[in-house]
């Protein structure tokens, strides 16, 4: 998935955290909701500006970041 179609980083929005385009919802927000046990359907119900594709983009973004993470020696 090309998450860059859904997620951007702008220093003027939410202190430069990765956000879903057209919203102030961060990738961290979405991951936190999923981690707390909310389903995709519950998140969309609470935040109708989101959809399943945008939520999956957050997961893809996080997976990509994790893949690139390196511990400094």
PDB file of N, CA and C in Angstrom:
ATOM      1  N   UNK A   1       0.834  -1.177   0.000  1.00  0.00           N
ATOM      2  CA  UNK A   1       0.000   0.000   0.000  1.00  0.00           C
ATOM      3  C   UNK A   1       0.884   1.248   0.000  1.00  0.00           C
ATOM      4  N   UNK A   2       0.501   2.219  -0.781  1.00  0.00           N
ATOM      5  CA  UNK A   2       1.214   3.490  -0.799  1.00  0.00           C
ATOM      6  C   UNK A   2       0.555   4.425   0.212  1.00  0.00           C
ATOM      7  N   UNK A   3       1.014   4.359   1.450  1.00  0.00           N
ATOM      8  CA  UNK A   3       0.390   5.146   2.511  1.00  0.00           C
ATOM      9  C   UNK A   3       0.564   6.650   2.324  1.00  0.00           C
ATOM     10  N   UNK A   4       1.490   7.062   1.486  1.00  0.00           N
ATOM     11  CA  UNK A   4       1.690   8.509   1.275  1.00  0.00           C
ATOM     12  C   UNK A   4       0.483   9.161   0.602  1.00  0.00           C
ATOM     13  N   UNK A   5      -0.406   8.356   0.031  1.00  0.00           N
ATOM     14  CA  UNK A   5      -1.648   8.917  -0.512  1.00  0.00           C
ATOM     15  C   UNK A   5      -2.593   9.349   0.597  1.00  0.00           C
ATOM     16  N   UNK A   6      -2.368   8.857   1.819  1.00  0.00           N
ATOM     17  CA  UNK A   6      -3.282   9.103   2.926  1.00  0.00           C
ATOM     18  C   UNK A   6      -2.658   9.830   4.107  1.00  0.00           C
ATOM     19  N   UNK A   7      -1.338   9.775   4.219  1.00  0.00           N
ATOM     20  CA  UNK A   7      -0.650  10.304   5.398  1.00  0.00           C
ATOM     21  C   UNK A   7       0.396  11.331   4.975  1.00  0.00           C
ATOM     22  N   UNK A   8       0.441  12.421   5.731  1.00  0.00           N
ATOM     23  CA  UNK A   8       1.451  13.444   5.447  1.00  0.00           C
ATOM     24  C   UNK A   8       1.984  14.004   6.760  1.00  0.00           C
ATOM     25  N   UNK A   9       3.113  14.675   6.645  1.00  0.00           N
ATOM     26  CA  UNK A   9       3.733  15.326   7.794  1.00  0.00           C
ATOM     27  C   UNK A   9       3.863  16.802   7.466  1.00  0.00           C
ATOM     28  N   UNK A  10       3.253  17.621   8.303  1.00  0.00           N
ATOM     29  CA  UNK A  10       3.277  19.073   8.125  1.00  0.00           C
ATOM     30  C   UNK A  10       3.603  19.677   9.479  1.00  0.00           C
ATOM     31  N   UNK A  11       4.680  20.445   9.548  1.00  0.00           N
ATOM     32  CA  UNK A  11       5.115  20.998  10.832  1.00  0.00           C
ATOM     33  C   UNK A  11       4.076  21.917  11.467  1.00  0.00           C
ATOM     34  N   UNK A  12       3.108  22.383  10.690  1.00  0.00           N
ATOM     35  CA  UNK A  12       2.068  23.267  11.221  1.00  0.00           C
ATOM     36  C   UNK A  12       0.840  22.512  11.731  1.00  0.00           C
ATOM     37  N   UNK A  13       0.816  21.206  11.576  1.00  0.00           N
ATOM     38  CA  UNK A  13      -0.332  20.402  12.017  1.00  0.00           C
ATOM     39  C   UNK A  13       0.146  19.381  13.041  1.00  0.00           C
ATOM     40  N   UNK A  14      -0.414  19.438  14.226  1.00  0.00           N
ATOM     41  CA  UNK A  14      -0.125  18.493  15.317  1.00  0.00           C
ATOM     42  C   UNK A  14       1.377  18.341  15.561  1.00  0.00           C
ATOM     43  N   UNK A  15       2.075  19.479  15.535  1.00  0.00           N
ATOM     44  CA  UNK A  15       3.506  19.538  15.847  1.00  0.00           C
ATOM     45  C   UNK A  15       4.355  18.662  14.936  1.00  0.00           C
ATOM     46  N   UNK A  16       3.903  18.471  13.690  1.00  0.00           N
ATOM     47  CA  UNK A  16       4.684  17.724  12.715  1.00  0.00           C
ATOM     48  C   UNK A  16       4.560  16.216  12.819  1.00  0.00           C
ATOM     49  N   UNK A  17       3.592  15.746  13.594  1.00  0.00           N
ATOM     50  CA  UNK A  17       3.371  14.297  13.664  1.00  0.00           C
ATOM     51  C   UNK A  17       2.673  13.831  12.381  1.00  0.00           C
ATOM     52  N   UNK A  18       2.882  12.598  11.983  1.00  0.00           N
ATOM     53  CA  UNK A  18       2.196  12.083  10.787  1.00  0.00           C
ATOM     54  C   UNK A  18       0.680  12.085  11.005  1.00  0.00           C
ATOM     55  N   UNK A  19      -0.040  12.727  10.107  1.00  0.00           N
ATOM     56  CA  UNK A  19      -1.492  12.827  10.220  1.00  0.00           C
ATOM     57  C   UNK A  19      -2.161  12.301   8.950  1.00  0.00           C
ATOM     58  N   UNK A  20      -3.419  11.940   9.103  1.00  0.00           N
ATOM     59  CA  UNK A  20      -4.206  11.510   7.956  1.00  0.00           C
ATOM     60  C   UNK A  20      -4.612  12.762   7.196  1.00  0.00           C
ATOM     61  N   UNK A  21      -4.375  12.771   5.900  1.00  0.00           N
ATOM     62  CA  UNK A  21      -4.645  13.952   5.068  1.00  0.00           C
ATOM     63  C   UNK A  21      -6.060  14.476   5.288  1.00  0.00           C
ATOM     64  N   UNK A  22      -6.172  15.799   5.406  1.00  0.00           N
ATOM     65  CA  UNK A  22      -7.465  16.441   5.554  1.00  0.00           C
ATOM     66  C   UNK A  22      -8.035  16.379   6.957  1.00  0.00           C
ATOM     67  N   UNK A  23      -7.257  15.824   7.910  1.00  0.00           N
ATOM     68  CA  UNK A  23      -7.707  15.741   9.294  1.00  0.00           C
ATOM     69  C   UNK A  23      -6.583  16.191  10.218  1.00  0.00           C
ATOM     70  N   UNK A  24      -6.888  16.214  11.492  1.00  0.00           N
ATOM     71  CA  UNK A  24      -5.868  16.427  12.512  1.00  0.00           C
ATOM     72  C   UNK A  24      -5.642  15.135  13.304  1.00  0.00           C
ATOM     73  N   UNK A  25      -6.074  14.030  12.739  1.00  0.00           N
ATOM     74  CA  UNK A  25      -5.933  12.723  13.384  1.00  0.00           C
ATOM     75  C   UNK A  25      -4.566  12.159  13.026  1.00  0.00           C
ATOM     76  N   UNK A  26      -3.801  11.803  14.072  1.00  0.00           N
ATOM     77  CA  UNK A  26      -2.457  11.289  13.830  1.00  0.00           C
ATOM     78  C   UNK A  26      -2.469   9.771  13.672  1.00  0.00           C
ATOM     79  N   UNK A  27      -1.402   9.278  13.081  1.00  0.00           N
ATOM     80  CA  UNK A  27      -1.194   7.831  12.982  1.00  0.00           C
ATOM     81  C   UNK A  27      -1.177   7.244  14.391  1.00  0.00           C
ATOM     82  N   UNK A  28      -0.543   7.955  15.313  1.00  0.00           N
ATOM     83  CA  UNK A  28      -0.472   7.498  16.698  1.00  0.00           C
ATOM     84  C   UNK A  28      -1.866   7.358  17.307  1.00  0.00           C
ATOM     85  N   UNK A  29      -2.759   8.306  17.018  1.00  0.00           N
ATOM     86  CA  UNK A  29      -4.132   8.218  17.518  1.00  0.00           C
ATOM     87  C   UNK A  29      -4.775   6.917  17.067  1.00  0.00           C
ATOM     88  N   UNK A  30      -4.692   6.640  15.778  1.00  0.00           N
ATOM     89  CA  UNK A  30      -5.327   5.448  15.205  1.00  0.00           C
ATOM     90  C   UNK A  30      -4.715   4.184  15.796  1.00  0.00           C
ATOM     91  N   UNK A  31      -3.391   4.129  15.892  1.00  0.00           N
ATOM     92  CA  UNK A  31      -2.737   2.953  16.457  1.00  0.00           C
ATOM     93  C   UNK A  31      -3.137   2.760  17.913  1.00  0.00           C
ATOM     94  N   UNK A  32      -3.265   3.843  18.645  1.00  0.00           N
ATOM     95  CA  UNK A  32      -3.688   3.771  20.041  1.00  0.00           C
ATOM     96  C   UNK A  32      -5.095   3.218  20.180  1.00  0.00           C
ATOM     97  N   UNK A  33      -5.992   3.658  19.307  1.00  0.00           N
ATOM     98  CA  UNK A  33      -7.368   3.149  19.353  1.00  0.00           C
ATOM     99  C   UNK A  33      -7.406   1.666  19.044  1.00  0.00           C
ATOM    100  N   UNK A  34      -6.654   1.246  18.039  1.00  0.00           N
ATOM    101  CA  UNK A  34      -6.609  -0.175  17.702  1.00  0.00           C
ATOM    102  C   UNK A  34      -6.006  -0.980  18.846  1.00  0.00           C
ATOM    103  N   UNK A  35      -4.939  -0.469  19.442  1.00  0.00           N
ATOM    104  CA  UNK A  35      -4.281  -1.164  20.553  1.00  0.00           C
ATOM    105  C   UNK A  35      -5.183  -1.277  21.772  1.00  0.00           C
ATOM    106  N   UNK A  36      -6.076  -0.309  21.945  1.00  0.00           N
ATOM    107  CA  UNK A  36      -6.975  -0.350  23.103  1.00  0.00           C
ATOM    108  C   UNK A  36      -8.165  -1.279  22.872  1.00  0.00           C
ATOM    109  N   UNK A  37      -8.242  -1.845  21.665  1.00  0.00           N
ATOM    110  CA  UNK A  37      -9.288  -2.822  21.385  1.00  0.00           C
ATOM    111  C   UNK A  37     -10.427  -2.335  20.507  1.00  0.00           C
ATOM    112  N   UNK A  38     -10.364  -1.088  20.060  1.00  0.00           N
ATOM    113  CA  UNK A  38     -11.413  -0.610  19.158  1.00  0.00           C
ATOM    114  C   UNK A  38     -11.298  -1.322  17.821  1.00  0.00           C
ATOM    115  N   UNK A  39     -12.433  -1.641  17.241  1.00  0.00           N
ATOM    116  CA  UNK A  39     -12.439  -2.238  15.907  1.00  0.00           C
ATOM    117  C   UNK A  39     -12.381  -1.124  14.864  1.00  0.00           C
ATOM    118  N   UNK A  40     -12.075  -1.502  13.652  1.00  0.00           N
ATOM    119  CA  UNK A  40     -12.065  -0.524  12.559  1.00  0.00           C
ATOM    120  C   UNK A  40     -13.448   0.105  12.429  1.00  0.00           C
ATOM    121  N   UNK A  41     -14.483  -0.695  12.568  1.00  0.00           N
ATOM    122  CA  UNK A  41     -15.856  -0.192  12.452  1.00  0.00           C
ATOM    123  C   UNK A  41     -16.166   0.823  13.553  1.00  0.00           C
ATOM    124  N   UNK A  42     -15.694   0.571  14.773  1.00  0.00           N
ATOM    125  CA  UNK A  42     -15.925   1.509  15.872  1.00  0.00           C
ATOM    126  C   UNK A  42     -15.199   2.837  15.626  1.00  0.00           C
ATOM    127  N   UNK A  43     -13.985   2.750  15.126  1.00  0.00           N
ATOM    128  CA  UNK A  43     -13.216   3.971  14.846  1.00  0.00           C
ATOM    129  C   UNK A  43     -13.929   4.790  13.778  1.00  0.00           C
ATOM    130  N   UNK A  44     -14.381   4.139  12.718  1.00  0.00           N
ATOM    131  CA  UNK A  44     -15.075   4.846  11.641  1.00  0.00           C
ATOM    132  C   UNK A  44     -16.382   5.438  12.146  1.00  0.00           C
ATOM    133  N   UNK A  45     -17.052   4.729  13.038  1.00  0.00           N
ATOM    134  CA  UNK A  45     -18.299   5.246  13.616  1.00  0.00           C
ATOM    135  C   UNK A  45     -18.032   6.520  14.419  1.00  0.00           C
ATOM    136  N   UNK A  46     -16.942   6.536  15.182  1.00  0.00           N
ATOM    137  CA  UNK A  46     -16.590   7.711  15.991  1.00  0.00           C
ATOM    138  C   UNK A  46     -15.971   8.828  15.159  1.00  0.00           C
ATOM    139  N   UNK A  47     -15.300   8.471  14.082  1.00  0.00           N
ATOM    140  CA  UNK A  47     -14.602   9.435  13.238  1.00  0.00           C
ATOM    141  C   UNK A  47     -14.952   9.172  11.781  1.00  0.00           C
ATOM    142  N   UNK A  48     -16.125   9.643  11.330  1.00  0.00           N
ATOM    143  CA  UNK A  48     -16.600   9.329   9.976  1.00  0.00           C
ATOM    144  C   UNK A  48     -15.709   9.864   8.857  1.00  0.00           C
ATOM    145  N   UNK A  49     -14.777  10.755   9.181  1.00  0.00           N
ATOM    146  CA  UNK A  49     -13.855  11.244   8.154  1.00  0.00           C
ATOM    147  C   UNK A  49     -12.812  10.180   7.801  1.00  0.00           C
ATOM    148  N   UNK A  50     -12.763   9.095   8.600  1.00  0.00           N
ATOM    149  CA  UNK A  50     -11.855   7.991   8.319  1.00  0.00           C
ATOM    150  C   UNK A  50     -12.600   6.888   7.584  1.00  0.00           C
ATOM    151  N   UNK A  51     -11.822   6.026   6.948  1.00  0.00           N
ATOM    152  CA  UNK A  51     -12.378   4.824   6.329  1.00  0.00           C
ATOM    153  C   UNK A  51     -11.350   3.710   6.505  1.00  0.00           C
ATOM    154  N   UNK A  52     -11.718   2.515   6.097  1.00  0.00           N
ATOM    155  CA  UNK A  52     -10.845   1.367   6.303  1.00  0.00           C
ATOM    156  C   UNK A  52      -9.498   1.546   5.607  1.00  0.00           C
ATOM    157  N   UNK A  53      -9.496   2.131   4.445  1.00  0.00           N
ATOM    158  CA  UNK A  53      -8.255   2.348   3.686  1.00  0.00           C
ATOM    159  C   UNK A  53      -7.312   3.267   4.460  1.00  0.00           C
ATOM    160  N   UNK A  54      -7.831   4.323   5.058  1.00  0.00           N
ATOM    161  CA  UNK A  54      -6.987   5.258   5.813  1.00  0.00           C
ATOM    162  C   UNK A  54      -6.432   4.600   7.069  1.00  0.00           C
ATOM    163  N   UNK A  55      -7.235   3.774   7.711  1.00  0.00           N
ATOM    164  CA  UNK A  55      -6.766   3.069   8.905  1.00  0.00           C
ATOM    165  C   UNK A  55      -5.682   2.067   8.527  1.00  0.00           C
ATOM    166  N   UNK A  56      -5.862   1.369   7.445  1.00  0.00           N
ATOM    167  CA  UNK A  56      -4.833   0.431   6.976  1.00  0.00           C
ATOM    168  C   UNK A  56      -3.567   1.173   6.559  1.00  0.00           C
ATOM    169  N   UNK A  57      -3.714   2.381   6.054  1.00  0.00           N
ATOM    170  CA  UNK A  57      -2.539   3.195   5.710  1.00  0.00           C
ATOM    171  C   UNK A  57      -1.733   3.503   6.972  1.00  0.00           C
ATOM    172  N   UNK A  58      -2.411   3.728   8.086  1.00  0.00           N
ATOM    173  CA  UNK A  58      -1.716   3.970   9.356  1.00  0.00           C
ATOM    174  C   UNK A  58      -0.907   2.740   9.756  1.00  0.00           C
ATOM    175  N   UNK A  59      -1.492   1.572   9.599  1.00  0.00           N
ATOM    176  CA  UNK A  59      -0.775   0.335   9.909  1.00  0.00           C
ATOM    177  C   UNK A  59       0.428   0.148   8.986  1.00  0.00           C
ATOM    178  N   UNK A  60       0.253   0.435   7.718  1.00  0.00           N
ATOM    179  CA  UNK A  60       1.352   0.308   6.755  1.00  0.00           C
ATOM    180  C   UNK A  60       2.463   1.304   7.081  1.00  0.00           C
ATOM    181  N   UNK A  61       2.095   2.512   7.463  1.00  0.00           N
ATOM    182  CA  UNK A  61       3.069   3.531   7.836  1.00  0.00           C
ATOM    183  C   UNK A  61       3.884   3.055   9.036  1.00  0.00           C
ATOM    184  N   UNK A  62       3.188   2.535  10.055  1.00  0.00           N
ATOM    185  CA  UNK A  62       3.868   2.068  11.257  1.00  0.00           C
ATOM    186  C   UNK A  62       4.777   0.878  10.945  1.00  0.00           C
ATOM    187  N   UNK A  63       4.313  -0.029  10.108  1.00  0.00           N
ATOM    188  CA  UNK A  63       5.127  -1.184   9.735  1.00  0.00           C
ATOM    189  C   UNK A  63       6.383  -0.738   8.992  1.00  0.00           C
ATOM    190  N   UNK A  64       6.243   0.245   8.119  1.00  0.00           N
ATOM    191  CA  UNK A  64       7.390   0.759   7.370  1.00  0.00           C
ATOM    192  C   UNK A  64       8.387   1.422   8.305  1.00  0.00           C
ATOM    193  N   UNK A  65       7.888   2.194   9.252  1.00  0.00           N
ATOM    194  CA  UNK A  65       8.774   2.839  10.225  1.00  0.00           C
ATOM    195  C   UNK A  65       9.513   1.799  11.055  1.00  0.00           C
ATOM    196  N   UNK A  66       8.802   0.771  11.481  1.00  0.00           N
ATOM    197  CA  UNK A  66       9.414  -0.296  12.271  1.00  0.00           C
ATOM    198  C   UNK A  66      10.500  -1.015  11.462  1.00  0.00           C
ATOM    199  N   UNK A  67      10.213  -1.236  10.191  1.00  0.00           N
ATOM    200  CA  UNK A  67      11.167  -1.909   9.311  1.00  0.00           C
ATOM    201  C   UNK A  67      12.459  -1.098   9.164  1.00  0.00           C
ATOM    202  N   UNK A  68      12.346   0.218   9.186  1.00  0.00           N
ATOM    203  CA  UNK A  68      13.506   1.093   8.988  1.00  0.00           C
ATOM    204  C   UNK A  68      14.235   1.410  10.291  1.00  0.00           C
ATOM    205  N   UNK A  69      13.655   1.042  11.429  1.00  0.00           N
ATOM    206  CA  UNK A  69      14.225   1.362  12.732  1.00  0.00           C
ATOM    207  C   UNK A  69      15.539   0.628  12.946  1.00  0.00           C
ATOM    208  N   UNK A  70      16.563   1.362  13.391  1.00  0.00           N
ATOM    209  CA  UNK A  70      17.873   0.753  13.663  1.00  0.00           C
ATOM    210  C   UNK A  70      18.371   1.263  15.010  1.00  0.00           C
ATOM    211  N   UNK A  71      18.997   0.396  15.743  1.00  0.00           N
ATOM    212  CA  UNK A  71      19.577   0.775  17.025  1.00  0.00           C
ATOM    213  C   UNK A  71      20.994   1.253  16.776  1.00  0.00           C
ATOM    214  N   UNK A  72      21.299   2.419  17.324  1.00  0.00           N
ATOM    215  CA  UNK A  72      22.650   2.955  17.158  1.00  0.00           C
ATOM    216  C   UNK A  72      23.613   2.178  18.057  1.00  0.00           C
ATOM    217  N   UNK A  73      24.785   1.876  17.517  1.00  0.00           N
ATOM    218  CA  UNK A  73      25.748   1.120  18.321  1.00  0.00           C
ATOM    219  C   UNK A  73      26.673   2.040  19.059  1.00  0.00           C
TER     220      UNK A  73
END
